[in-house]
PDB file of N, CA and C in Angstrom:
ATOM      1  N   MET A   1       0.837  -1.175   0.000  1.00  0.00           N
ATOM      2  CA  MET A   1       0.000   0.000   0.000  1.00  0.00           C
ATOM      3  C   MET A   1       0.882   1.237   0.000  1.00  0.00           C
ATOM      4  N   ALA A   2       0.400   2.259  -0.689  1.00  0.00           N
ATOM      5  CA  ALA A   2       1.117   3.527  -0.732  1.00  0.00           C
ATOM      6  C   ALA A   2       0.135   4.660  -0.477  1.00  0.00           C
ATOM      7  N   THR A   3       0.648   5.732   0.104  1.00  0.00           N
ATOM      8  CA  THR A   3      -0.168   6.914   0.346  1.00  0.00           C
ATOM      9  C   THR A   3      -0.104   7.816  -0.870  1.00  0.00           C
ATOM     10  N   LEU A   4      -1.245   8.390  -1.207  1.00  0.00           N
ATOM     11  CA  LEU A   4      -1.377   9.270  -2.366  1.00  0.00           C
ATOM     12  C   LEU A   4      -2.038  10.553  -1.890  1.00  0.00           C
ATOM     13  N   ASN A   5      -1.516  11.702  -2.299  1.00  0.00           N
ATOM     14  CA  ASN A   5      -2.103  12.988  -1.924  1.00  0.00           C
ATOM     15  C   ASN A   5      -2.646  13.687  -3.157  1.00  0.00           C
ATOM     16  N   LEU A   6      -3.911  14.096  -3.094  1.00  0.00           N
ATOM     17  CA  LEU A   6      -4.563  14.842  -4.174  1.00  0.00           C
ATOM     18  C   LEU A   6      -5.284  16.033  -3.563  1.00  0.00           C
ATOM     19  N   ASP A   7      -4.933  17.217  -3.983  1.00  0.00           N
ATOM     20  CA  ASP A   7      -5.600  18.436  -3.508  1.00  0.00           C
ATOM     21  C   ASP A   7      -5.702  18.489  -1.988  1.00  0.00           C
ATOM     22  N   GLY A   8      -4.664  18.079  -1.293  1.00  0.00           N
ATOM     23  CA  GLY A   8      -4.639  18.131   0.159  1.00  0.00           C
ATOM     24  C   GLY A   8      -5.324  16.969   0.858  1.00  0.00           C
ATOM     25  N   ALA A   9      -5.920  16.062   0.114  1.00  0.00           N
ATOM     26  CA  ALA A   9      -6.580  14.889   0.692  1.00  0.00           C
ATOM     27  C   ALA A   9      -5.655  13.677   0.552  1.00  0.00           C
ATOM     28  N   THR A  10      -5.713  12.780   1.517  1.00  0.00           N
ATOM     29  CA  THR A  10      -4.865  11.588   1.529  1.00  0.00           C
ATOM     30  C   THR A  10      -5.680  10.348   1.195  1.00  0.00           C
ATOM     31  N   PHE A  11      -5.125   9.526   0.322  1.00  0.00           N
ATOM     32  CA  PHE A  11      -5.762   8.291  -0.136  1.00  0.00           C
ATOM     33  C   PHE A  11      -4.763   7.152   0.016  1.00  0.00           C
ATOM     34  N   GLU A  12      -5.261   5.932   0.092  1.00  0.00           N
ATOM     35  CA  GLU A  12      -4.410   4.746   0.102  1.00  0.00           C
ATOM     36  C   GLU A  12      -4.543   4.045  -1.245  1.00  0.00           C
ATOM     37  N   SER A  13      -3.412   3.740  -1.868  1.00  0.00           N
ATOM     38  CA  SER A  13      -3.445   3.056  -3.163  1.00  0.00           C
ATOM     39  C   SER A  13      -2.823   1.673  -3.034  1.00  0.00           C
ATOM     40  N   VAL A  14      -3.357   0.756  -3.840  1.00  0.00           N
ATOM     41  CA  VAL A  14      -2.871  -0.624  -3.862  1.00  0.00           C
ATOM     42  C   VAL A  14      -2.633  -1.016  -5.314  1.00  0.00           C
ATOM     43  N   HIS A  15      -1.458  -1.573  -5.573  1.00  0.00           N
ATOM     44  CA  HIS A  15      -1.100  -2.079  -6.902  1.00  0.00           C
ATOM     45  C   HIS A  15      -0.581  -3.499  -6.703  1.00  0.00           C
ATOM     46  N   VAL A  16      -1.332  -4.467  -7.227  1.00  0.00           N
ATOM     47  CA  VAL A  16      -0.951  -5.875  -7.091  1.00  0.00           C
ATOM     48  C   VAL A  16      -0.715  -6.444  -8.484  1.00  0.00           C
ATOM     49  N   PRO A  17       0.542  -6.682  -8.852  1.00  0.00           N
ATOM     50  CA  PRO A  17       0.797  -7.321 -10.136  1.00  0.00           C
ATOM     51  C   PRO A  17       0.449  -8.810 -10.057  1.00  0.00           C
ATOM     52  N   THR A  18      -0.230  -9.310 -11.079  1.00  0.00           N
ATOM     53  CA  THR A  18      -0.509 -10.735 -11.169  1.00  0.00           C
ATOM     54  C   THR A  18       0.253 -11.276 -12.371  1.00  0.00           C
ATOM     55  N   GLU A  19       0.071 -12.534 -12.647  1.00  0.00           N
ATOM     56  CA  GLU A  19       0.778 -13.132 -13.781  1.00  0.00           C
ATOM     57  C   GLU A  19       0.395 -12.475 -15.106  1.00  0.00           C
ATOM     58  N   ARG A  20      -0.868 -12.051 -15.223  1.00  0.00           N
ATOM     59  CA  ARG A  20      -1.346 -11.549 -16.515  1.00  0.00           C
ATOM     60  C   ARG A  20      -1.818 -10.104 -16.521  1.00  0.00           C
ATOM     61  N   THR A  21      -1.943  -9.491 -15.342  1.00  0.00           N
ATOM     62  CA  THR A  21      -2.492  -8.133 -15.303  1.00  0.00           C
ATOM     63  C   THR A  21      -2.037  -7.429 -14.034  1.00  0.00           C
ATOM     64  N   ASN A  22      -2.588  -6.269 -13.790  1.00  0.00           N
ATOM     65  CA  ASN A  22      -2.358  -5.516 -12.560  1.00  0.00           C
ATOM     66  C   ASN A  22      -3.704  -5.224 -11.921  1.00  0.00           C
ATOM     67  N   ILE A  23      -3.800  -5.449 -10.624  1.00  0.00           N
ATOM     68  CA  ILE A  23      -5.005  -5.094  -9.880  1.00  0.00           C
ATOM     69  C   ILE A  23      -4.713  -3.762  -9.200  1.00  0.00           C
ATOM     70  N   LEU A  24      -5.550  -2.765  -9.486  1.00  0.00           N
ATOM     71  CA  LEU A  24      -5.333  -1.408  -8.981  1.00  0.00           C
ATOM     72  C   LEU A  24      -6.551  -0.923  -8.221  1.00  0.00           C
ATOM     73  N   LEU A  25      -6.301  -0.211  -7.120  1.00  0.00           N
ATOM     74  CA  LEU A  25      -7.382   0.336  -6.308  1.00  0.00           C
ATOM     75  C   LEU A  25      -6.845   1.550  -5.565  1.00  0.00           C
ATOM     76  N   VAL A  26      -7.641   2.620  -5.530  1.00  0.00           N
ATOM     77  CA  VAL A  26      -7.333   3.761  -4.677  1.00  0.00           C
ATOM     78  C   VAL A  26      -8.541   3.986  -3.785  1.00  0.00           C
ATOM     79  N   LYS A  27      -8.319   3.960  -2.468  1.00  0.00           N
ATOM     80  CA  LYS A  27      -9.378   4.049  -1.462  1.00  0.00           C
ATOM     81  C   LYS A  27      -9.533   5.480  -0.982  1.00  0.00           C
ATOM     82  N   ALA A  28     -10.766   5.976  -1.042  1.00  0.00           N
ATOM     83  CA  ALA A  28     -11.147   7.271  -0.479  1.00  0.00           C
ATOM     84  C   ALA A  28     -11.949   7.014   0.794  1.00  0.00           C
ATOM     85  N   ALA A  29     -12.263   8.062   1.533  1.00  0.00           N
ATOM     86  CA  ALA A  29     -13.029   7.910   2.774  1.00  0.00           C
ATOM     87  C   ALA A  29     -14.398   7.289   2.527  1.00  0.00           C
ATOM     88  N   GLY A  30     -15.000   7.564   1.350  1.00  0.00           N
ATOM     89  CA  GLY A  30     -16.351   7.089   1.090  1.00  0.00           C
ATOM     90  C   GLY A  30     -16.479   6.017   0.035  1.00  0.00           C
ATOM     91  N   GLY A  31     -15.374   5.407  -0.380  1.00  0.00           N
ATOM     92  CA  GLY A  31     -15.444   4.366  -1.404  1.00  0.00           C
ATOM     93  C   GLY A  31     -14.109   4.208  -2.099  1.00  0.00           C
ATOM     94  N   PHE A  32     -14.117   3.621  -3.301  1.00  0.00           N
ATOM     95  CA  PHE A  32     -12.859   3.483  -4.024  1.00  0.00           C
ATOM     96  C   PHE A  32     -13.060   3.506  -5.528  1.00  0.00           C
ATOM     97  N   VAL A  33     -11.958   3.830  -6.214  1.00  0.00           N
ATOM     98  CA  VAL A  33     -11.875   3.697  -7.665  1.00  0.00           C
ATOM     99  C   VAL A  33     -10.946   2.522  -7.915  1.00  0.00           C
ATOM    100  N   GLY A  34     -11.392   1.600  -8.764  1.00  0.00           N
ATOM    101  CA  GLY A  34     -10.601   0.415  -9.043  1.00  0.00           C
ATOM    102  C   GLY A  34     -10.575   0.094 -10.524  1.00  0.00           C
ATOM    103  N   CYS A  35      -9.774  -0.884 -10.861  1.00  0.00           N
ATOM    104  CA  CYS A  35      -9.656  -1.341 -12.246  1.00  0.00           C
ATOM    105  C   CYS A  35     -10.819  -2.282 -12.582  1.00  0.00           C
ATOM    106  N   GLY A  36     -10.851  -2.739 -13.816  1.00  0.00           N
ATOM    107  CA  GLY A  36     -11.926  -3.597 -14.292  1.00  0.00           C
ATOM    108  C   GLY A  36     -11.994  -4.961 -13.634  1.00  0.00           C
ATOM    109  N   TYR A  37     -11.049  -5.290 -12.782  1.00  0.00           N
ATOM    110  CA  TYR A  37     -11.027  -6.567 -12.071  1.00  0.00           C
ATOM    111  C   TYR A  37     -12.172  -6.674 -11.062  1.00  0.00           C
ATOM    112  N   PHE A  38     -12.709  -5.527 -10.644  1.00  0.00           N
ATOM    113  CA  PHE A  38     -13.742  -5.488  -9.602  1.00  0.00           C
ATOM    114  C   PHE A  38     -15.144  -5.570 -10.195  1.00  0.00           C
ATOM    115  N   ASP A  39     -16.075  -6.114  -9.420  1.00  0.00           N
ATOM    116  CA  ASP A  39     -17.437  -6.400  -9.870  1.00  0.00           C
ATOM    117  C   ASP A  39     -18.434  -5.424  -9.245  1.00  0.00           C
ATOM    118  N   ILE A  40     -19.066  -4.608 -10.083  1.00  0.00           N
ATOM    119  CA  ILE A  40     -20.046  -3.623  -9.617  1.00  0.00           C
ATOM    120  C   ILE A  40     -21.259  -4.305  -8.985  1.00  0.00           C
ATOM    121  N   ALA A  41     -21.655  -5.468  -9.483  1.00  0.00           N
ATOM    122  CA  ALA A  41     -22.812  -6.164  -8.902  1.00  0.00           C
ATOM    123  C   ALA A  41     -22.571  -6.472  -7.428  1.00  0.00           C
ATOM    124  N   VAL A  42     -21.365  -6.869  -7.091  1.00  0.00           N
ATOM    125  CA  VAL A  42     -21.037  -7.140  -5.689  1.00  0.00           C
ATOM    126  C   VAL A  42     -21.050  -5.839  -4.891  1.00  0.00           C
ATOM    127  N   ALA A  43     -20.479  -4.775  -5.448  1.00  0.00           N
ATOM    128  CA  ALA A  43     -20.482  -3.477  -4.760  1.00  0.00           C
ATOM    129  C   ALA A  43     -21.904  -3.026  -4.467  1.00  0.00           C
ATOM    130  N   ASN A  44     -22.802  -3.195  -5.429  1.00  0.00           N
ATOM    131  CA  ASN A  44     -24.203  -2.827  -5.201  1.00  0.00           C
ATOM    132  C   ASN A  44     -24.846  -3.711  -4.135  1.00  0.00           C
ATOM    133  N   ARG A  45     -24.542  -4.992  -4.161  1.00  0.00           N
ATOM    134  CA  ARG A  45     -25.134  -5.913  -3.193  1.00  0.00           C
ATOM    135  C   ARG A  45     -24.727  -5.565  -1.761  1.00  0.00           C
ATOM    136  N   VAL A  46     -23.470  -5.152  -1.565  1.00  0.00           N
ATOM    137  CA  VAL A  46     -23.001  -4.839  -0.212  1.00  0.00           C
ATOM    138  C   VAL A  46     -23.112  -3.356   0.133  1.00  0.00           C
ATOM    139  N   GLY A  47     -23.491  -2.529  -0.851  1.00  0.00           N
ATOM    140  CA  GLY A  47     -23.709  -1.110  -0.592  1.00  0.00           C
ATOM    141  C   GLY A  47     -22.467  -0.240  -0.601  1.00  0.00           C
ATOM    142  N   ASP A  48     -21.407  -0.673  -1.291  1.00  0.00           N
ATOM    143  CA  ASP A  48     -20.185   0.126  -1.380  1.00  0.00           C
ATOM    144  C   ASP A  48     -20.245   1.115  -2.539  1.00  0.00           C
ATOM    145  N   ALA A  49     -19.561   2.240  -2.363  1.00  0.00           N
ATOM    146  CA  ALA A  49     -19.405   3.231  -3.427  1.00  0.00           C
ATOM    147  C   ALA A  49     -18.139   2.876  -4.202  1.00  0.00           C
ATOM    148  N   VAL A  50     -18.310   2.396  -5.428  1.00  0.00           N
ATOM    149  CA  VAL A  50     -17.191   1.924  -6.246  1.00  0.00           C
ATOM    150  C   VAL A  50     -17.339   2.466  -7.656  1.00  0.00           C
ATOM    151  N   ALA A  51     -16.223   2.961  -8.200  1.00  0.00           N
ATOM    152  CA  ALA A  51     -16.177   3.416  -9.587  1.00  0.00           C
ATOM    153  C   ALA A  51     -15.058   2.660 -10.291  1.00  0.00           C
ATOM    154  N   ILE A  52     -15.308   2.261 -11.530  1.00  0.00           N
ATOM    155  CA  ILE A  52     -14.381   1.409 -12.275  1.00  0.00           C
ATOM    156  C   ILE A  52     -13.836   2.136 -13.499  1.00  0.00           C
ATOM    157  N   VAL A  53     -12.521   1.977 -13.702  1.00  0.00           N
ATOM    158  CA  VAL A  53     -11.852   2.408 -14.926  1.00  0.00           C
ATOM    159  C   VAL A  53     -11.252   1.159 -15.569  1.00  0.00           C
ATOM    160  N   THR A  54     -10.999   1.209 -16.858  1.00  0.00           N
ATOM    161  CA  THR A  54     -10.427   0.038 -17.530  1.00  0.00           C
ATOM    162  C   THR A  54      -9.216   0.440 -18.365  1.00  0.00           C
ATOM    163  N   GLY A  55      -8.437  -0.576 -18.749  1.00  0.00           N
ATOM    164  CA  GLY A  55      -7.273  -0.348 -19.595  1.00  0.00           C
ATOM    165  C   GLY A  55      -6.133   0.347 -18.878  1.00  0.00           C
ATOM    166  N   VAL A  56      -6.031   0.158 -17.570  1.00  0.00           N
ATOM    167  CA  VAL A  56      -5.012   0.850 -16.781  1.00  0.00           C
ATOM    168  C   VAL A  56      -3.957  -0.129 -16.279  1.00  0.00           C
ATOM    169  N   LYS A  57      -2.718   0.354 -16.191  1.00  0.00           N
ATOM    170  CA  LYS A  57      -1.617  -0.481 -15.719  1.00  0.00           C
ATOM    171  C   LYS A  57      -0.915   0.111 -14.505  1.00  0.00           C
ATOM    172  N   THR A  58      -1.163   1.400 -14.244  1.00  0.00           N
ATOM    173  CA  THR A  58      -0.523   2.082 -13.121  1.00  0.00           C
ATOM    174  C   THR A  58      -1.556   2.930 -12.381  1.00  0.00           C
ATOM    175  N   ILE A  59      -1.190   3.376 -11.191  1.00  0.00           N
ATOM    176  CA  ILE A  59      -2.074   4.266 -10.433  1.00  0.00           C
ATOM    177  C   ILE A  59      -2.263   5.580 -11.192  1.00  0.00           C
ATOM    178  N   ASP A  60      -1.219   6.093 -11.823  1.00  0.00           N
ATOM    179  CA  ASP A  60      -1.370   7.319 -12.627  1.00  0.00           C
ATOM    180  C   ASP A  60      -2.372   7.115 -13.757  1.00  0.00           C
ATOM    181  N   ASP A  61      -2.337   5.945 -14.397  1.00  0.00           N
ATOM    182  CA  ASP A  61      -3.332   5.627 -15.434  1.00  0.00           C
ATOM    183  C   ASP A  61      -4.735   5.653 -14.843  1.00  0.00           C
ATOM    184  N   LEU A  62      -4.907   5.054 -13.662  1.00  0.00           N
ATOM    185  CA  LEU A  62      -6.209   4.998 -13.000  1.00  0.00           C
ATOM    186  C   LEU A  62      -6.734   6.405 -12.732  1.00  0.00           C
ATOM    187  N   LEU A  63      -5.870   7.298 -12.285  1.00  0.00           N
ATOM    188  CA  LEU A  63      -6.298   8.668 -11.986  1.00  0.00           C
ATOM    189  C   LEU A  63      -6.757   9.411 -13.233  1.00  0.00           C
ATOM    190  N   ALA A  64      -6.129   9.141 -14.365  1.00  0.00           N
ATOM    191  CA  ALA A  64      -6.441   9.857 -15.607  1.00  0.00           C
ATOM    192  C   ALA A  64      -7.583   9.233 -16.399  1.00  0.00           C
ATOM    193  N   ALA A  65      -7.837   7.958 -16.204  1.00  0.00           N
ATOM    194  CA  ALA A  65      -8.822   7.233 -17.021  1.00  0.00           C
ATOM    195  C   ALA A  65     -10.252   7.641 -16.680  1.00  0.00           C
ATOM    196  N   PRO A  66     -11.146   7.545 -17.670  1.00  0.00           N
ATOM    197  CA  PRO A  66     -12.553   7.859 -17.410  1.00  0.00           C
ATOM    198  C   PRO A  66     -13.265   6.708 -16.693  1.00  0.00           C
ATOM    199  N   ILE A  67     -14.195   7.072 -15.841  1.00  0.00           N
ATOM    200  CA  ILE A  67     -15.035   6.084 -15.172  1.00  0.00           C
ATOM    201  C   ILE A  67     -15.948   5.450 -16.220  1.00  0.00           C
ATOM    202  N   VAL A  68     -16.003   4.112 -16.244  1.00  0.00           N
ATOM    203  CA  VAL A  68     -16.847   3.409 -17.219  1.00  0.00           C
ATOM    204  C   VAL A  68     -18.023   2.681 -16.573  1.00  0.00           C
ATOM    205  N   ARG A  69     -17.903   2.349 -15.288  1.00  0.00           N
ATOM    206  CA  ARG A  69     -18.996   1.709 -14.540  1.00  0.00           C
ATOM    207  C   ARG A  69     -18.939   2.218 -13.111  1.00  0.00           C
ATOM    208  N   LEU A  70     -20.095   2.239 -12.445  1.00  0.00           N
ATOM    209  CA  LEU A  70     -20.098   2.658 -11.056  1.00  0.00           C
ATOM    210  C   LEU A  70     -21.277   2.069 -10.316  1.00  0.00           C
ATOM    211  N   SER A  71     -21.114   1.968  -9.021  1.00  0.00           N
ATOM    212  CA  SER A  71     -22.182   1.435  -8.179  1.00  0.00           C
ATOM    213  C   SER A  71     -23.224   2.513  -7.913  1.00  0.00           C
ATOM    214  N   ASP A  72     -24.371   2.066  -7.441  1.00  0.00           N
ATOM    215  CA  ASP A  72     -25.445   3.008  -7.115  1.00  0.00           C
ATOM    216  C   ASP A  72     -24.994   4.018  -6.067  1.00  0.00           C
ATOM    217  N   ARG A  73     -24.268   3.549  -5.076  1.00  0.00           N
ATOM    218  CA  ARG A  73     -23.826   4.453  -4.012  1.00  0.00           C
ATOM    219  C   ARG A  73     -22.811   5.476  -4.521  1.00  0.00           C
ATOM    220  N   ALA A  74     -21.946   5.099  -5.454  1.00  0.00           N
ATOM    221  CA  ALA A  74     -21.015   6.060  -6.049  1.00  0.00           C
ATOM    222  C   ALA A  74     -21.789   7.113  -6.842  1.00  0.00           C
ATOM    223  N   ARG A  75     -22.815   6.682  -7.553  1.00  0.00           N
ATOM    224  CA  ARG A  75     -23.654   7.623  -8.308  1.00  0.00           C
ATOM    225  C   ARG A  75     -24.323   8.618  -7.350  1.00  0.00           C
ATOM    226  N   GLU A  76     -24.797   8.126  -6.210  1.00  0.00           N
ATOM    227  CA  GLU A  76     -25.412   9.004  -5.206  1.00  0.00           C
ATOM    228  C   GLU A  76     -24.420  10.031  -4.668  1.00  0.00           C
ATOM    229  N   ALA A  77     -23.134   9.687  -4.671  1.00  0.00           N
ATOM    230  CA  ALA A  77     -22.088  10.603  -4.205  1.00  0.00           C
ATOM    231  C   ALA A  77     -21.711  11.633  -5.262  1.00  0.00           C
ATOM    232  N   GLY A  78     -22.291  11.510  -6.471  1.00  0.00           N
ATOM    233  CA  GLY A  78     -22.023  12.477  -7.529  1.00  0.00           C
ATOM    234  C   GLY A  78     -21.091  12.011  -8.622  1.00  0.00           C
ATOM    235  N   VAL A  79     -20.591  10.788  -8.515  1.00  0.00           N
ATOM    236  CA  VAL A  79     -19.705  10.242  -9.546  1.00  0.00           C
ATOM    237  C   VAL A  79     -20.536   9.931 -10.789  1.00  0.00           C
ATOM    238  N   THR A  80     -19.972  10.207 -11.964  1.00  0.00           N
ATOM    239  CA  THR A  80     -20.650   9.919 -13.229  1.00  0.00           C
ATOM    240  C   THR A  80     -19.692   9.231 -14.191  1.00  0.00           C
ATOM    241  N   GLU A  81     -20.269   8.481 -15.138  1.00  0.00           N
ATOM    242  CA  GLU A  81     -19.465   7.886 -16.189  1.00  0.00           C
ATOM    243  C   GLU A  81     -18.775   9.010 -16.961  1.00  0.00           C
ATOM    244  N   GLY A  82     -17.529   8.770 -17.342  1.00  0.00           N
ATOM    245  CA  GLY A  82     -16.789   9.736 -18.139  1.00  0.00           C
ATOM    246  C   GLY A  82     -15.897  10.663 -17.329  1.00  0.00           C
ATOM    247  N   MET A  83     -16.198  10.879 -16.054  1.00  0.00           N
ATOM    248  CA  MET A  83     -15.307  11.726 -15.253  1.00  0.00           C
ATOM    249  C   MET A  83     -14.025  10.957 -14.963  1.00  0.00           C
ATOM    250  N   SER A  84     -12.958  11.659 -14.664  1.00  0.00           N
ATOM    251  CA  SER A  84     -11.680  10.998 -14.413  1.00  0.00           C
ATOM    252  C   SER A  84     -11.693  10.267 -13.072  1.00  0.00           C
ATOM    253  N   GLY A  85     -10.838   9.277 -12.962  1.00  0.00           N
ATOM    254  CA  GLY A  85     -10.682   8.577 -11.695  1.00  0.00           C
ATOM    255  C   GLY A  85     -10.308   9.533 -10.578  1.00  0.00           C
ATOM    256  N   ARG A  86      -9.479  10.509 -10.895  1.00  0.00           N
ATOM    257  CA  ARG A  86      -9.068  11.520  -9.916  1.00  0.00           C
ATOM    258  C   ARG A  86     -10.268  12.291  -9.394  1.00  0.00           C
ATOM    259  N   ASP A  87     -11.109  12.787 -10.298  1.00  0.00           N
ATOM    260  CA  ASP A  87     -12.285  13.556  -9.884  1.00  0.00           C
ATOM    261  C   ASP A  87     -13.256  12.693  -9.081  1.00  0.00           C
ATOM    262  N   ALA A  88     -13.402  11.439  -9.475  1.00  0.00           N
ATOM    263  CA  ALA A  88     -14.276  10.527  -8.734  1.00  0.00           C
ATOM    264  C   ALA A  88     -13.753  10.321  -7.315  1.00  0.00           C
ATOM    265  N   LEU A  89     -12.445  10.168  -7.162  1.00  0.00           N
ATOM    266  CA  LEU A  89     -11.868   9.992  -5.829  1.00  0.00           C
ATOM    267  C   LEU A  89     -12.126  11.196  -4.943  1.00  0.00           C
ATOM    268  N   LEU A  90     -11.989  12.384  -5.497  1.00  0.00           N
ATOM    269  CA  LEU A  90     -12.229  13.588  -4.702  1.00  0.00           C
ATOM    270  C   LEU A  90     -13.682  13.653  -4.237  1.00  0.00           C
ATOM    271  N   LEU A  91     -14.621  13.262  -5.094  1.00  0.00           N
ATOM    272  CA  LEU A  91     -16.031  13.213  -4.684  1.00  0.00           C
ATOM    273  C   LEU A  91     -16.258  12.149  -3.612  1.00  0.00           C
ATOM    274  N   LEU A  92     -15.658  10.987  -3.793  1.00  0.00           N
ATOM    275  CA  LEU A  92     -15.822   9.909  -2.817  1.00  0.00           C
ATOM    276  C   LEU A  92     -15.164  10.259  -1.479  1.00  0.00           C
ATOM    277  N   GLN A  93     -14.104  11.040  -1.525  1.00  0.00           N
ATOM    278  CA  GLN A  93     -13.459  11.481  -0.285  1.00  0.00           C
ATOM    279  C   GLN A  93     -14.406  12.392   0.493  1.00  0.00           C
ATOM    280  N   THR A  94     -15.028  13.326  -0.203  1.00  0.00           N
ATOM    281  CA  THR A  94     -15.970  14.252   0.430  1.00  0.00           C
ATOM    282  C   THR A  94     -17.183  13.502   0.965  1.00  0.00           C
ATOM    283  N   ALA A  95     -17.667  12.522   0.211  1.00  0.00           N
ATOM    284  CA  ALA A  95     -18.850  11.753   0.616  1.00  0.00           C
ATOM    285  C   ALA A  95     -18.601  10.962   1.893  1.00  0.00           C
ATOM    286  N   GLY A  96     -17.364  10.597   2.151  1.00  0.00           N
ATOM    287  CA  GLY A  96     -17.050   9.791   3.322  1.00  0.00           C
ATOM    288  C   GLY A  96     -16.753  10.584   4.577  1.00  0.00           C
ATOM    289  N   GLN A  97     -16.798  11.907   4.483  1.00  0.00           N
ATOM    290  CA  GLN A  97     -16.465  12.736   5.654  1.00  0.00           C
ATOM    291  C   GLN A  97     -17.685  13.226   6.364  1.00  0.00           C
TER     292      GLN A  97
END
C-alpha cells in the first residue's frame, strides 16, 4: 500500500501485479476507484461506493482514465461515467467525511 495525496486529501493506493495483469485500487473515505477486475454487482449488493476504470496499468493511469462503470452508491455521491478517476476519488473522499 502507498499513500497518495490529491488536492490536500490523503488516499491509500494498492497495486498488485498478477501473472497476466495488474489489480489497482485507490481508497477514499467514502469508497474506491478500481480497475476492471472489480465487480459492480457485488459493490451494489453490499452497498459500497465503487467506480471502475479500464485499460489501466498504473495508479497514474487509474487517476487519468474515465469512469466506465459505477455502483449506485457512487452515483449518489455524484460520480458519473466519463469523469476521471481523480475527480471521482475527490467526490468519494468528500462523501465519506
